[in-house]
PDB file of N, CA and C in Angstrom:
ATOM      1  N   MET A   1     -39.345  19.240 -34.673  1.00  0.00           N
ATOM      2  CA  MET A   1     -40.122  20.386 -35.127  1.00  0.00           C
ATOM      3  C   MET A   1     -41.544  19.911 -35.422  1.00  0.00           C
ATOM      4  N   THR A   2     -42.527  20.631 -34.944  1.00  0.00           N
ATOM      5  CA  THR A   2     -43.919  20.270 -35.167  1.00  0.00           C
ATOM      6  C   THR A   2     -44.598  21.339 -36.008  1.00  0.00           C
ATOM      7  N   ALA A   3     -45.285  20.904 -37.056  1.00  0.00           N
ATOM      8  CA  ALA A   3     -46.071  21.837 -37.863  1.00  0.00           C
ATOM      9  C   ALA A   3     -47.386  22.086 -37.143  1.00  0.00           C
ATOM     10  N   SER A   4     -48.040  23.196 -37.438  1.00  0.00           N
ATOM     11  CA  SER A   4     -49.257  23.549 -36.697  1.00  0.00           C
ATOM     12  C   SER A   4     -50.551  23.174 -37.409  1.00  0.00           C
ATOM     13  N   TYR A   5     -50.491  22.823 -38.685  1.00  0.00           N
ATOM     14  CA  TYR A   5     -51.726  22.547 -39.401  1.00  0.00           C
ATOM     15  C   TYR A   5     -52.326  21.194 -38.985  1.00  0.00           C
ATOM     16  N   VAL A   6     -53.588  21.002 -39.334  1.00  0.00           N
ATOM     17  CA  VAL A   6     -54.317  19.775 -39.021  1.00  0.00           C
ATOM     18  C   VAL A   6     -54.720  19.120 -40.338  1.00  0.00           C
ATOM     19  N   THR A   7     -54.490  17.822 -40.430  1.00  0.00           N
ATOM     20  CA  THR A   7     -54.878  17.059 -41.610  1.00  0.00           C
ATOM     21  C   THR A   7     -56.017  16.130 -41.240  1.00  0.00           C
ATOM     22  N   VAL A   8     -56.995  16.038 -42.129  1.00  0.00           N
ATOM     23  CA  VAL A   8     -58.126  15.129 -41.953  1.00  0.00           C
ATOM     24  C   VAL A   8     -58.143  14.178 -43.137  1.00  0.00           C
ATOM     25  N   ILE A   9     -58.263  12.899 -42.835  1.00  0.00           N
ATOM     26  CA  ILE A   9     -58.490  11.879 -43.849  1.00  0.00           C
ATOM     27  C   ILE A   9     -59.854  11.287 -43.536  1.00  0.00           C
ATOM     28  N   TRP A  10     -60.745  11.338 -44.510  1.00  0.00           N
ATOM     29  CA  TRP A  10     -62.101  10.820 -44.313  1.00  0.00           C
ATOM     30  C   TRP A  10     -62.396   9.830 -45.424  1.00  0.00           C
ATOM     31  N   GLU A  11     -62.728   8.606 -45.037  1.00  0.00           N
ATOM     32  CA  GLU A  11     -63.095   7.578 -46.002  1.00  0.00           C
ATOM     33  C   GLU A  11     -64.567   7.266 -45.852  1.00  0.00           C
ATOM     34  N   ALA A  12     -65.246   7.141 -46.987  1.00  0.00           N
ATOM     35  CA  ALA A  12     -66.673   6.840 -46.977  1.00  0.00           C
ATOM     36  C   ALA A  12     -66.985   5.797 -48.040  1.00  0.00           C
ATOM     37  N   GLN A  13     -67.852   4.880 -47.682  1.00  0.00           N
ATOM     38  CA  GLN A  13     -68.337   3.862 -48.616  1.00  0.00           C
ATOM     39  C   GLN A  13     -69.799   4.169 -48.904  1.00  0.00           C
ATOM     40  N   ALA A  14     -70.123   4.329 -50.171  1.00  0.00           N
ATOM     41  CA  ALA A  14     -71.513   4.605 -50.551  1.00  0.00           C
ATOM     42  C   ALA A  14     -72.392   3.390 -50.258  1.00  0.00           C
ATOM     43  N   LYS A  15     -73.609   3.655 -49.867  1.00  0.00           N
ATOM     44  CA  LYS A  15     -74.596   2.576 -49.762  1.00  0.00           C
ATOM     45  C   LYS A  15     -74.802   1.990 -51.154  1.00  0.00           C
ATOM     46  N   ALA A  16     -75.235   0.746 -51.200  1.00  0.00           N
ATOM     47  CA  ALA A  16     -75.452   0.066 -52.476  1.00  0.00           C
ATOM     48  C   ALA A  16     -76.354   0.905 -53.374  1.00  0.00           C
ATOM     49  N   GLY A  17     -75.910   1.088 -54.601  1.00  0.00           N
ATOM     50  CA  GLY A  17     -76.680   1.848 -55.580  1.00  0.00           C
ATOM     51  C   GLY A  17     -76.617   3.351 -55.422  1.00  0.00           C
ATOM     52  N   ARG A  18     -75.849   3.840 -54.447  1.00  0.00           N
ATOM     53  CA  ARG A  18     -75.788   5.285 -54.176  1.00  0.00           C
ATOM     54  C   ARG A  18     -74.440   5.907 -54.558  1.00  0.00           C
ATOM     55  N   GLN A  19     -73.589   5.147 -55.273  1.00  0.00           N
ATOM     56  CA  GLN A  19     -72.251   5.628 -55.610  1.00  0.00           C
ATOM     57  C   GLN A  19     -72.288   6.949 -56.374  1.00  0.00           C
ATOM     58  N   ASP A  20     -73.117   7.014 -57.404  1.00  0.00           N
ATOM     59  CA  ASP A  20     -73.175   8.237 -58.208  1.00  0.00           C
ATOM     60  C   ASP A  20     -73.695   9.415 -57.392  1.00  0.00           C
ATOM     61  N   ALA A  21     -74.671   9.156 -56.544  1.00  0.00           N
ATOM     62  CA  ALA A  21     -75.219  10.226 -55.708  1.00  0.00           C
ATOM     63  C   ALA A  21     -74.175  10.725 -54.715  1.00  0.00           C
ATOM     64  N   LEU A  22     -73.403   9.807 -54.127  1.00  0.00           N
ATOM     65  CA  LEU A  22     -72.373  10.233 -53.179  1.00  0.00           C
ATOM     66  C   LEU A  22     -71.274  11.006 -53.894  1.00  0.00           C
ATOM     67  N   LYS A  23     -70.879  10.549 -55.070  1.00  0.00           N
ATOM     68  CA  LYS A  23     -69.845  11.256 -55.819  1.00  0.00           C
ATOM     69  C   LYS A  23     -70.312  12.674 -56.170  1.00  0.00           C
ATOM     70  N   ALA A  24     -71.561  12.820 -56.585  1.00  0.00           N
ATOM     71  CA  ALA A  24     -72.117  14.142 -56.889  1.00  0.00           C
ATOM     72  C   ALA A  24     -72.173  15.014 -55.634  1.00  0.00           C
ATOM     73  N   PHE A  25     -72.545  14.425 -54.515  1.00  0.00           N
ATOM     74  CA  PHE A  25     -72.619  15.145 -53.252  1.00  0.00           C
ATOM     75  C   PHE A  25     -71.236  15.674 -52.861  1.00  0.00           C
ATOM     76  N   ILE A  26     -70.231  14.796 -52.925  1.00  0.00           N
ATOM     77  CA  ILE A  26     -68.868  15.194 -52.571  1.00  0.00           C
ATOM     78  C   ILE A  26     -68.373  16.278 -53.525  1.00  0.00           C
ATOM     79  N   THR A  27     -68.621  16.104 -54.809  1.00  0.00           N
ATOM     80  CA  THR A  27     -68.199  17.075 -55.808  1.00  0.00           C
ATOM     81  C   THR A  27     -68.767  18.457 -55.498  1.00  0.00           C
ATOM     82  N   ALA A  28     -70.030  18.509 -55.117  1.00  0.00           N
ATOM     83  CA  ALA A  28     -70.677  19.790 -54.810  1.00  0.00           C
ATOM     84  C   ALA A  28     -70.132  20.414 -53.527  1.00  0.00           C
ATOM     85  N   ALA A  29     -69.611  19.601 -52.615  1.00  0.00           N
ATOM     86  CA  ALA A  29     -69.132  20.117 -51.325  1.00  0.00           C
ATOM     87  C   ALA A  29     -67.699  20.630 -51.376  1.00  0.00           C
ATOM     88  N   VAL A  30     -66.945  20.235 -52.390  1.00  0.00           N
ATOM     89  CA  VAL A  30     -65.522  20.573 -52.428  1.00  0.00           C
ATOM     90  C   VAL A  30     -65.271  22.078 -52.504  1.00  0.00           C
ATOM     91  N   THR A  31     -65.862  22.763 -53.458  1.00  0.00           N
ATOM     92  CA  THR A  31     -65.573  24.188 -53.649  1.00  0.00           C
ATOM     93  C   THR A  31     -65.941  25.021 -52.429  1.00  0.00           C
ATOM     94  N   PRO A  32     -67.135  24.852 -51.835  1.00  0.00           N
ATOM     95  CA  PRO A  32     -67.426  25.647 -50.635  1.00  0.00           C
ATOM     96  C   PRO A  32     -66.439  25.373 -49.499  1.00  0.00           C
ATOM     97  N   SER A  33     -66.029  24.119 -49.355  1.00  0.00           N
ATOM     98  CA  SER A  33     -65.075  23.790 -48.286  1.00  0.00           C
ATOM     99  C   SER A  33     -63.719  24.415 -48.542  1.00  0.00           C
ATOM    100  N   ARG A  34     -63.289  24.431 -49.786  1.00  0.00           N
ATOM    101  CA  ARG A  34     -62.016  25.061 -50.132  1.00  0.00           C
ATOM    102  C   ARG A  34     -62.044  26.555 -49.845  1.00  0.00           C
ATOM    103  N   SER A  35     -63.234  27.144 -49.865  1.00  0.00           N
ATOM    104  CA  SER A  35     -63.381  28.578 -49.643  1.00  0.00           C
ATOM    105  C   SER A  35     -63.473  28.949 -48.169  1.00  0.00           C
ATOM    106  N   ASP A  36     -63.605  27.966 -47.296  1.00  0.00           N
ATOM    107  CA  ASP A  36     -63.698  28.264 -45.870  1.00  0.00           C
ATOM    108  C   ASP A  36     -62.370  28.823 -45.361  1.00  0.00           C
ATOM    109  N   PRO A  37     -62.426  29.785 -44.445  1.00  0.00           N
ATOM    110  CA  PRO A  37     -61.198  30.353 -43.886  1.00  0.00           C
ATOM    111  C   PRO A  37     -60.321  29.258 -43.275  1.00  0.00           C
ATOM    112  N   GLY A  38     -59.030  29.352 -43.538  1.00  0.00           N
ATOM    113  CA  GLY A  38     -58.075  28.428 -42.948  1.00  0.00           C
ATOM    114  C   GLY A  38     -57.859  27.155 -43.732  1.00  0.00           C
ATOM    115  N   ASN A  39     -58.573  26.970 -44.848  1.00  0.00           N
ATOM    116  CA  ASN A  39     -58.368  25.762 -45.640  1.00  0.00           C
ATOM    117  C   ASN A  39     -57.080  25.869 -46.435  1.00  0.00           C
ATOM    118  N   ILE A  40     -56.268  24.829 -46.363  1.00  0.00           N
ATOM    119  CA  ILE A  40     -55.032  24.744 -47.138  1.00  0.00           C
ATOM    120  C   ILE A  40     -55.256  23.844 -48.355  1.00  0.00           C
ATOM    121  N   ASP A  41     -55.801  22.674 -48.123  1.00  0.00           N
ATOM    122  CA  ASP A  41     -56.093  21.688 -49.174  1.00  0.00           C
ATOM    123  C   ASP A  41     -57.424  21.026 -48.881  1.00  0.00           C
ATOM    124  N   TYR A  42     -58.144  20.696 -49.934  1.00  0.00           N
ATOM    125  CA  TYR A  42     -59.377  19.914 -49.795  1.00  0.00           C
ATOM    126  C   TYR A  42     -59.531  19.148 -51.094  1.00  0.00           C
ATOM    127  N   GLU A  43     -59.186  17.879 -51.081  1.00  0.00           N
ATOM    128  CA  GLU A  43     -59.170  17.071 -52.288  1.00  0.00           C
ATOM    129  C   GLU A  43     -60.021  15.825 -52.113  1.00  0.00           C
ATOM    130  N   ALA A  44     -60.825  15.539 -53.107  1.00  0.00           N
ATOM    131  CA  ALA A  44     -61.666  14.334 -53.107  1.00  0.00           C
ATOM    132  C   ALA A  44     -61.040  13.292 -54.017  1.00  0.00           C
ATOM    133  N   HIS A  45     -61.110  12.044 -53.591  1.00  0.00           N
ATOM    134  CA  HIS A  45     -60.535  10.936 -54.342  1.00  0.00           C
ATOM    135  C   HIS A  45     -61.511   9.764 -54.348  1.00  0.00           C
ATOM    136  N   GLU A  46     -61.523   9.042 -55.450  1.00  0.00           N
ATOM    137  CA  GLU A  46     -62.248   7.775 -55.519  1.00  0.00           C
ATOM    138  C   GLU A  46     -61.184   6.682 -55.460  1.00  0.00           C
ATOM    139  N   VAL A  47     -61.389   5.678 -54.604  1.00  0.00           N
ATOM    140  CA  VAL A  47     -60.390   4.632 -54.414  1.00  0.00           C
ATOM    141  C   VAL A  47     -60.415   3.679 -55.608  1.00  0.00           C
ATOM    142  N   GLU A  48     -59.288   3.577 -56.260  1.00  0.00           N
ATOM    143  CA  GLU A  48     -59.166   2.718 -57.431  1.00  0.00           C
ATOM    144  C   GLU A  48     -59.408   1.256 -57.036  1.00  0.00           C
ATOM    145  N   GLY A  49     -60.246   0.584 -57.815  1.00  0.00           N
ATOM    146  CA  GLY A  49     -60.535  -0.822 -57.564  1.00  0.00           C
ATOM    147  C   GLY A  49     -61.571  -1.078 -56.483  1.00  0.00           C
ATOM    148  N   ARG A  50     -62.105  -0.001 -55.885  1.00  0.00           N
ATOM    149  CA  ARG A  50     -63.126  -0.143 -54.834  1.00  0.00           C
ATOM    150  C   ARG A  50     -64.285   0.801 -55.168  1.00  0.00           C
ATOM    151  N   PRO A  51     -65.140   0.387 -56.085  1.00  0.00           N
ATOM    152  CA  PRO A  51     -66.251   1.258 -56.503  1.00  0.00           C
ATOM    153  C   PRO A  51     -67.073   1.752 -55.315  1.00  0.00           C
ATOM    154  N   GLY A  52     -67.382   3.026 -55.351  1.00  0.00           N
ATOM    155  CA  GLY A  52     -68.205   3.625 -54.300  1.00  0.00           C
ATOM    156  C   GLY A  52     -67.455   3.986 -53.036  1.00  0.00           C
ATOM    157  N   THR A  53     -66.116   3.808 -53.035  1.00  0.00           N
ATOM    158  CA  THR A  53     -65.314   4.182 -51.875  1.00  0.00           C
ATOM    159  C   THR A  53     -64.577   5.477 -52.201  1.00  0.00           C
ATOM    160  N   PHE A  54     -64.734   6.453 -51.330  1.00  0.00           N
ATOM    161  CA  PHE A  54     -64.164   7.779 -51.537  1.00  0.00           C
ATOM    162  C   PHE A  54     -63.313   8.175 -50.340  1.00  0.00           C
ATOM    163  N   VAL A  55     -62.288   8.965 -50.603  1.00  0.00           N
ATOM    164  CA  VAL A  55     -61.429   9.496 -49.550  1.00  0.00           C
ATOM    165  C   VAL A  55     -61.315  11.004 -49.764  1.00  0.00           C
ATOM    166  N   ILE A  56     -61.529  11.742 -48.701  1.00  0.00           N
ATOM    167  CA  ILE A  56     -61.333  13.190 -48.711  1.00  0.00           C
ATOM    168  C   ILE A  56     -60.075  13.474 -47.899  1.00  0.00           C
ATOM    169  N   TYR A  57     -59.203  14.288 -48.479  1.00  0.00           N
ATOM    170  CA  TYR A  57     -57.972  14.715 -47.821  1.00  0.00           C
ATOM    171  C   TYR A  57     -58.097  16.214 -47.608  1.00  0.00           C
ATOM    172  N   GLU A  58     -58.023  16.631 -46.349  1.00  0.00           N
ATOM    173  CA  GLU A  58     -58.162  18.049 -46.010  1.00  0.00           C
ATOM    174  C   GLU A  58     -56.982  18.486 -45.154  1.00  0.00           C
ATOM    175  N   ARG A  59     -56.551  19.716 -45.351  1.00  0.00           N
ATOM    176  CA  ARG A  59     -55.590  20.329 -44.428  1.00  0.00           C
ATOM    177  C   ARG A  59     -56.117  21.700 -44.047  1.00  0.00           C
ATOM    178  N   TRP A  60     -56.006  21.988 -42.753  1.00  0.00           N
ATOM    179  CA  TRP A  60     -56.487  23.245 -42.181  1.00  0.00           C
ATOM    180  C   TRP A  60     -55.364  23.910 -41.407  1.00  0.00           C
ATOM    181  N   GLU A  61     -55.330  25.226 -41.413  1.00  0.00           N
ATOM    182  CA  GLU A  61     -54.270  25.962 -40.723  1.00  0.00           C
ATOM    183  C   GLU A  61     -54.222  25.623 -39.239  1.00  0.00           C
ATOM    184  N   THR A  62     -55.400  25.500 -38.608  1.00  0.00           N
ATOM    185  CA  THR A  62     -55.472  25.193 -37.173  1.00  0.00           C
ATOM    186  C   THR A  62     -56.709  24.329 -36.901  1.00  0.00           C
ATOM    187  N   ARG A  63     -56.747  23.750 -35.725  1.00  0.00           N
ATOM    188  CA  ARG A  63     -57.924  22.987 -35.312  1.00  0.00           C
ATOM    189  C   ARG A  63     -59.146  23.901 -35.215  1.00  0.00           C
ATOM    190  N   ALA A  64     -58.936  25.144 -34.833  1.00  0.00           N
ATOM    191  CA  ALA A  64     -60.053  26.094 -34.757  1.00  0.00           C
ATOM    192  C   ALA A  64     -60.667  26.321 -36.139  1.00  0.00           C
ATOM    193  N   HIS A  65     -59.847  26.379 -37.182  1.00  0.00           N
ATOM    194  CA  HIS A  65     -60.388  26.524 -38.539  1.00  0.00           C
ATOM    195  C   HIS A  65     -61.182  25.283 -38.941  1.00  0.00           C
ATOM    196  N   LEU A  66     -60.674  24.102 -38.621  1.00  0.00           N
ATOM    197  CA  LEU A  66     -61.410  22.873 -38.907  1.00  0.00           C
ATOM    198  C   LEU A  66     -62.742  22.868 -38.169  1.00  0.00           C
ATOM    199  N   ASP A  67     -62.716  23.216 -36.887  1.00  0.00           N
ATOM    200  CA  ASP A  67     -63.958  23.242 -36.106  1.00  0.00           C
ATOM    201  C   ASP A  67     -64.961  24.236 -36.679  1.00  0.00           C
ATOM    202  N   ALA A  68     -64.485  25.393 -37.114  1.00  0.00           N
ATOM    203  CA  ALA A  68     -65.381  26.387 -37.727  1.00  0.00           C
ATOM    204  C   ALA A  68     -65.993  25.824 -39.008  1.00  0.00           C
ATOM    205  N   HIS A  69     -65.198  25.122 -39.800  1.00  0.00           N
ATOM    206  CA  HIS A  69     -65.704  24.468 -41.016  1.00  0.00           C
ATOM    207  C   HIS A  69     -66.791  23.453 -40.662  1.00  0.00           C
ATOM    208  N   LEU A  70     -66.518  22.613 -39.671  1.00  0.00           N
ATOM    209  CA  LEU A  70     -67.472  21.570 -39.288  1.00  0.00           C
ATOM    210  C   LEU A  70     -68.760  22.143 -38.702  1.00  0.00           C
ATOM    211  N   ASN A  71     -68.672  23.343 -38.137  1.00  0.00           N
ATOM    212  CA  ASN A  71     -69.838  23.980 -37.528  1.00  0.00           C
ATOM    213  C   ASN A  71     -70.452  25.066 -38.399  1.00  0.00           C
ATOM    214  N   ALA A  72     -70.000  25.150 -39.657  1.00  0.00           N
ATOM    215  CA  ALA A  72     -70.582  26.134 -40.576  1.00  0.00           C
ATOM    216  C   ALA A  72     -72.073  25.851 -40.746  1.00  0.00           C
ATOM    217  N   PRO A  73     -72.894  26.877 -40.899  1.00  0.00           N
ATOM    218  CA  PRO A  73     -74.342  26.674 -41.009  1.00  0.00           C
ATOM    219  C   PRO A  73     -74.751  25.653 -42.076  1.00  0.00           C
ATOM    220  N   ARG A  74     -74.041  25.593 -43.193  1.00  0.00           N
ATOM    221  CA  ARG A  74     -74.423  24.656 -44.256  1.00  0.00           C
ATOM    222  C   ARG A  74     -74.296  23.195 -43.815  1.00  0.00           C
ATOM    223  N   MET A  75     -73.462  22.929 -42.812  1.00  0.00           N
ATOM    224  CA  MET A  75     -73.254  21.551 -42.369  1.00  0.00           C
ATOM    225  C   MET A  75     -74.509  20.957 -41.726  1.00  0.00           C
ATOM    226  N   ALA A  76     -75.355  21.787 -41.142  1.00  0.00           N
ATOM    227  CA  ALA A  76     -76.587  21.286 -40.530  1.00  0.00           C
ATOM    228  C   ALA A  76     -77.476  20.595 -41.565  1.00  0.00           C
ATOM    229  N   THR A  77     -77.387  21.026 -42.800  1.00  0.00           N
ATOM    230  CA  THR A  77     -78.135  20.409 -43.897  1.00  0.00           C
ATOM    231  C   THR A  77     -77.334  19.287 -44.546  1.00  0.00           C
ATOM    232  N   LEU A  78     -76.039  19.513 -44.745  1.00  0.00           N
ATOM    233  CA  LEU A  78     -75.210  18.564 -45.483  1.00  0.00           C
ATOM    234  C   LEU A  78     -74.959  17.249 -44.750  1.00  0.00           C
ATOM    235  N   ILE A  79     -74.719  17.305 -43.458  1.00  0.00           N
ATOM    236  CA  ILE A  79     -74.374  16.083 -42.731  1.00  0.00           C
ATOM    237  C   ILE A  79     -75.500  15.048 -42.775  1.00  0.00           C
ATOM    238  N   PRO A  80     -76.756  15.406 -42.507  1.00  0.00           N
ATOM    239  CA  PRO A  80     -77.814  14.388 -42.635  1.00  0.00           C
ATOM    240  C   PRO A  80     -77.944  13.832 -44.055  1.00  0.00           C
ATOM    241  N   GLN A  81     -77.741  14.687 -45.066  1.00  0.00           N
ATOM    242  CA  GLN A  81     -77.783  14.207 -46.457  1.00  0.00           C
ATOM    243  C   GLN A  81     -76.664  13.207 -46.708  1.00  0.00           C
ATOM    244  N   MET A  82     -75.475  13.506 -46.215  1.00  0.00           N
ATOM    245  CA  MET A  82     -74.334  12.627 -46.392  1.00  0.00           C
ATOM    246  C   MET A  82     -74.563  11.291 -45.685  1.00  0.00           C
ATOM    247  N   LEU A  83     -75.054  11.335 -44.461  1.00  0.00           N
ATOM    248  CA  LEU A  83     -75.281  10.108 -43.697  1.00  0.00           C
ATOM    249  C   LEU A  83     -76.281   9.192 -44.395  1.00  0.00           C
ATOM    250  N   ASP A  84     -77.183   9.768 -45.157  1.00  0.00           N
ATOM    251  CA  ASP A  84     -78.151   8.974 -45.916  1.00  0.00           C
ATOM    252  C   ASP A  84     -77.496   8.248 -47.091  1.00  0.00           C
ATOM    253  N   LEU A  85     -76.312   8.694 -47.507  1.00  0.00           N
ATOM    254  CA  LEU A  85     -75.638   8.127 -48.678  1.00  0.00           C
ATOM    255  C   LEU A  85     -74.534   7.128 -48.345  1.00  0.00           C
ATOM    256  N   ILE A  86     -74.069   7.106 -47.094  1.00  0.00           N
ATOM    257  CA  ILE A  86     -72.894   6.293 -46.770  1.00  0.00           C
ATOM    258  C   ILE A  86     -73.211   5.161 -45.789  1.00  0.00           C
ATOM    259  N   GLU A  87     -72.377   4.131 -45.877  1.00  0.00           N
ATOM    260  CA  GLU A  87     -72.423   3.035 -44.918  1.00  0.00           C
ATOM    261  C   GLU A  87     -71.651   3.456 -43.672  1.00  0.00           C
ATOM    262  N   PRO A  88     -72.133   3.073 -42.503  1.00  0.00           N
ATOM    263  CA  PRO A  88     -71.346   3.350 -41.290  1.00  0.00           C
ATOM    264  C   PRO A  88     -70.012   2.603 -41.359  1.00  0.00           C
ATOM    265  N   LEU A  89     -68.931   3.253 -40.944  1.00  0.00           N
ATOM    266  CA  LEU A  89     -67.607   2.649 -41.036  1.00  0.00           C
ATOM    267  C   LEU A  89     -66.986   2.327 -39.689  1.00  0.00           C
ATOM    268  N   GLY A  90     -67.752   2.279 -38.641  1.00  0.00           N
ATOM    269  CA  GLY A  90     -67.190   1.956 -37.333  1.00  0.00           C
ATOM    270  C   GLY A  90     -67.160   3.158 -36.421  1.00  0.00           C
ATOM    271  N   PRO A  91     -66.505   3.003 -35.274  1.00  0.00           N
ATOM    272  CA  PRO A  91     -66.550   4.052 -34.250  1.00  0.00           C
ATOM    273  C   PRO A  91     -65.960   5.387 -34.680  1.00  0.00           C
ATOM    274  N   ASP A  92     -64.993   5.370 -35.601  1.00  0.00           N
ATOM    275  CA  ASP A  92     -64.415   6.643 -36.037  1.00  0.00           C
ATOM    276  C   ASP A  92     -65.121   7.203 -37.265  1.00  0.00           C
ATOM    277  N   ASN A  93     -66.127   6.496 -37.769  1.00  0.00           N
ATOM    278  CA  ASN A  93     -66.883   6.924 -38.948  1.00  0.00           C
ATOM    279  C   ASN A  93     -65.989   7.240 -40.142  1.00  0.00           C
ATOM    280  N   GLY A  94     -64.841   6.576 -40.208  1.00  0.00           N
ATOM    281  CA  GLY A  94     -63.946   6.774 -41.333  1.00  0.00           C
ATOM    282  C   GLY A  94     -63.120   8.037 -41.264  1.00  0.00           C
ATOM    283  N   ILE A  95     -63.207   8.762 -40.148  1.00  0.00           N
ATOM    284  CA  ILE A  95     -62.498  10.041 -40.017  1.00  0.00           C
ATOM    285  C   ILE A  95     -61.259   9.854 -39.141  1.00  0.00           C
ATOM    286  N   ARG A  96     -60.128  10.331 -39.653  1.00  0.00           N
ATOM    287  CA  ARG A  96     -58.892  10.311 -38.886  1.00  0.00           C
ATOM    288  C   ARG A  96     -58.283  11.710 -38.920  1.00  0.00           C
ATOM    289  N   LEU A  97     -57.947  12.233 -37.744  1.00  0.00           N
ATOM    290  CA  LEU A  97     -57.244  13.507 -37.636  1.00  0.00           C
ATOM    291  C   LEU A  97     -55.767  13.199 -37.480  1.00  0.00           C
ATOM    292  N   LEU A  98     -54.954  13.849 -38.287  1.00  0.00           N
ATOM    293  CA  LEU A  98     -53.514  13.626 -38.262  1.00  0.00           C
ATOM    294  C   LEU A  98     -52.807  14.886 -37.814  1.00  0.00           C
ATOM    295  N   ARG A  99     -51.790  14.707 -37.004  1.00  0.00           N
ATOM    296  CA  ARG A  99     -50.973  15.829 -36.539  1.00  0.00           C
ATOM    297  C   ARG A  99     -49.576  15.631 -37.116  1.00  0.00           C
ATOM    298  N   PRO A 100     -49.107  16.539 -37.954  1.00  0.00           N
ATOM    299  CA  PRO A 100     -47.810  16.349 -38.612  1.00  0.00           C
ATOM    300  C   PRO A 100     -46.650  16.590 -37.657  1.00  0.00           C
ATOM    301  N   PHE A 101     -45.566  15.945 -37.963  1.00  0.00           N
ATOM    302  CA  PHE A 101     -44.306  16.243 -37.270  1.00  0.00           C
ATOM    303  C   PHE A 101     -43.182  16.031 -38.271  1.00  0.00           C
ATOM    304  N   ARG A 102     -42.108  16.733 -38.027  1.00  0.00           N
ATOM    305  CA  ARG A 102     -40.944  16.628 -38.900  1.00  0.00           C
ATOM    306  C   ARG A 102     -39.708  16.489 -38.032  1.00  0.00           C
ATOM    307  N   PRO A 103     -38.764  15.692 -38.488  1.00  0.00           N
ATOM    308  CA  PRO A 103     -37.528  15.577 -37.707  1.00  0.00           C
ATOM    309  C   PRO A 103     -36.737  16.880 -37.752  1.00  0.00           C
ATOM    310  N   GLU A 104     -35.953  17.097 -36.718  1.00  0.00           N
ATOM    311  CA  GLU A 104     -35.050  18.251 -36.703  1.00  0.00           C
ATOM    312  C   GLU A 104     -34.039  18.090 -37.818  1.00  0.00           C
ATOM    313  N   LYS A 105     -33.626  19.169 -38.405  1.00  0.00           N
ATOM    314  CA  LYS A 105     -32.630  19.105 -39.497  1.00  0.00           C
ATOM    315  C   LYS A 105     -31.247  18.875 -38.952  1.00  0.00           C
TER     316      LYS A 105
END
């Protein structure tokens, strides 16, 4: 059995000295993202023992809802601001899309 929702795990490391700014940025982005159509969960986490490392856990009803969120007009402003606060994390930029599955009962 396959579930239809999409899960996103996003990890970001703040640039040196920018931890508080990144945490404030993420905090401000949570509520609007939770209000986007199709959002199931949107939770921000700070990684224990790794100062300045944050993980966002998101679930969306469909990939189309996630894409609409990513292409929302506010993102044109937010993404450049975010990129100014984080260290590059490699080719996936810390973003992983997960597709759930469940065994048959």
